[in-house]
Amino acid sequence: MARNIGLNVALPTQECNEDDCPFHGTLPVRGQVITGKVVSEKMKGTVVV
């Protein structure tokens, strides 16, 4: 079950087991929210914006 992270975003449909997931893990979401375009997602768990 996904927890509410306090932002108006769609909840994920699948559950994951990553510790760095804001919905299923312990990663807190805070600070500013930015909008950008993902240009690369080659490395696992990382994107280039």
N, C-alpha and C. Protein backbone atom coordinates (compact mmCIF):
# COMPACT_ATOMS: atom_id res chain seq x y z
N MET A 1 0.84 -1.18 0.00
CA MET A 1 0.00 0.00 0.00
C MET A 1 0.89 1.24 0.00
N ALA A 2 0.57 2.19 -0.85
CA ALA A 2 1.35 3.41 -0.96
C ALA A 2 0.89 4.42 0.07
N ARG A 3 1.84 5.14 0.64
CA ARG A 3 1.49 6.17 1.62
C ARG A 3 1.32 7.51 0.92
N ASN A 4 0.60 8.42 1.54
CA ASN A 4 0.37 9.75 1.01
C ASN A 4 1.64 10.58 1.24
N ILE A 5 2.23 11.13 0.18
CA ILE A 5 3.47 11.89 0.32
C ILE A 5 3.22 13.39 0.44
N GLY A 6 1.97 13.81 0.41
CA GLY A 6 1.64 15.22 0.60
C GLY A 6 1.63 16.06 -0.67
N LEU A 7 1.75 15.43 -1.82
CA LEU A 7 1.71 16.14 -3.09
C LEU A 7 0.58 15.59 -3.94
N ASN A 8 0.09 16.41 -4.85
CA ASN A 8 -1.00 16.00 -5.73
C ASN A 8 -0.41 15.27 -6.94
N VAL A 9 0.01 14.02 -6.73
CA VAL A 9 0.57 13.19 -7.80
C VAL A 9 -0.15 11.85 -7.80
N ALA A 10 -0.14 11.18 -8.94
CA ALA A 10 -0.78 9.87 -9.04
C ALA A 10 0.01 8.83 -8.26
N LEU A 11 -0.69 7.97 -7.55
CA LEU A 11 -0.04 6.91 -6.80
C LEU A 11 0.42 5.81 -7.76
N PRO A 12 1.52 5.15 -7.46
CA PRO A 12 1.99 4.08 -8.34
C PRO A 12 1.05 2.89 -8.32
N THR A 13 0.97 2.19 -9.45
CA THR A 13 0.08 1.04 -9.54
C THR A 13 0.72 -0.23 -9.00
N GLN A 14 2.05 -0.30 -9.04
CA GLN A 14 2.76 -1.48 -8.53
C GLN A 14 3.54 -1.12 -7.28
N GLU A 15 3.66 -2.08 -6.38
CA GLU A 15 4.44 -1.86 -5.17
C GLU A 15 5.89 -2.27 -5.41
N CYS A 16 6.82 -1.47 -4.90
CA CYS A 16 8.24 -1.79 -5.05
C CYS A 16 8.83 -2.06 -3.66
N ASN A 17 10.07 -2.47 -3.61
CA ASN A 17 10.72 -2.74 -2.32
C ASN A 17 12.01 -1.94 -2.18
N GLU A 18 12.09 -0.76 -2.80
CA GLU A 18 13.26 0.10 -2.70
C GLU A 18 13.14 0.98 -1.46
N ASP A 19 14.25 1.16 -0.75
CA ASP A 19 14.26 2.03 0.42
C ASP A 19 14.15 3.50 0.04
N ASP A 20 14.57 3.86 -1.18
CA ASP A 20 14.57 5.25 -1.62
C ASP A 20 13.30 5.64 -2.36
N CYS A 21 12.24 4.90 -2.20
CA CYS A 21 10.95 5.22 -2.82
C CYS A 21 10.13 6.08 -1.86
N PRO A 22 9.64 7.25 -2.29
CA PRO A 22 8.84 8.07 -1.38
C PRO A 22 7.48 7.45 -1.05
N PHE A 23 6.98 6.55 -1.88
CA PHE A 23 5.67 5.93 -1.64
C PHE A 23 5.77 4.67 -0.79
N HIS A 24 6.79 3.85 -0.99
CA HIS A 24 6.89 2.57 -0.31
C HIS A 24 8.09 2.47 0.63
N GLY A 25 9.03 3.38 0.51
CA GLY A 25 10.24 3.35 1.32
C GLY A 25 10.23 4.41 2.41
N THR A 26 11.42 4.88 2.76
CA THR A 26 11.55 5.85 3.84
C THR A 26 12.04 7.20 3.36
N LEU A 27 12.09 7.45 2.06
CA LEU A 27 12.58 8.71 1.53
C LEU A 27 11.53 9.81 1.71
N PRO A 28 11.87 10.88 2.45
CA PRO A 28 10.90 11.97 2.62
C PRO A 28 10.90 12.88 1.39
N VAL A 29 9.76 13.49 1.11
CA VAL A 29 9.64 14.45 0.02
C VAL A 29 9.49 15.82 0.66
N ARG A 30 10.40 16.74 0.31
CA ARG A 30 10.35 18.08 0.90
C ARG A 30 11.03 19.06 -0.04
N GLY A 31 10.83 20.33 0.21
CA GLY A 31 11.47 21.35 -0.61
C GLY A 31 10.63 21.72 -1.82
N GLN A 32 11.29 22.22 -2.84
CA GLN A 32 10.60 22.69 -4.03
C GLN A 32 10.33 21.55 -5.00
N VAL A 33 9.25 21.68 -5.75
CA VAL A 33 8.91 20.74 -6.81
C VAL A 33 9.23 21.43 -8.13
N ILE A 34 10.03 20.78 -8.97
CA ILE A 34 10.40 21.37 -10.25
C ILE A 34 9.85 20.51 -11.38
N THR A 35 9.69 21.11 -12.54
CA THR A 35 9.22 20.40 -13.72
C THR A 35 10.35 20.42 -14.75
N GLY A 36 10.59 19.27 -15.36
CA GLY A 36 11.66 19.19 -16.35
C GLY A 36 11.41 18.05 -17.31
N LYS A 37 12.34 17.87 -18.23
CA LYS A 37 12.25 16.82 -19.23
C LYS A 37 13.37 15.82 -19.00
N VAL A 38 13.04 14.55 -18.89
CA VAL A 38 14.04 13.51 -18.69
C VAL A 38 14.71 13.24 -20.03
N VAL A 39 16.05 13.35 -20.06
CA VAL A 39 16.78 13.13 -21.30
C VAL A 39 17.55 11.82 -21.30
N SER A 40 17.76 11.22 -20.12
CA SER A 40 18.47 9.95 -20.05
C SER A 40 18.07 9.21 -18.78
N GLU A 41 17.89 7.90 -18.91
CA GLU A 41 17.60 7.05 -17.75
C GLU A 41 18.42 5.77 -17.83
N LYS A 42 19.70 5.90 -18.14
CA LYS A 42 20.56 4.73 -18.34
C LYS A 42 20.94 4.05 -17.04
N MET A 43 21.21 4.81 -15.99
CA MET A 43 21.62 4.23 -14.72
C MET A 43 20.40 3.88 -13.88
N LYS A 44 20.45 2.77 -13.16
CA LYS A 44 19.31 2.30 -12.37
C LYS A 44 19.00 3.29 -11.24
N GLY A 45 17.75 3.71 -11.16
CA GLY A 45 17.31 4.59 -10.09
C GLY A 45 17.72 6.04 -10.26
N THR A 46 18.23 6.43 -11.43
CA THR A 46 18.72 7.79 -11.66
C THR A 46 18.30 8.27 -13.04
N VAL A 47 17.96 9.56 -13.13
CA VAL A 47 17.65 10.15 -14.43
C VAL A 47 18.43 11.45 -14.58
N VAL A 48 18.63 11.86 -15.83
CA VAL A 48 19.23 13.15 -16.14
C VAL A 48 18.12 14.04 -16.64
N VAL A 49 17.94 15.20 -15.98
CA VAL A 49 16.87 16.13 -16.33
C VAL A 49 17.48 17.29 -17.08
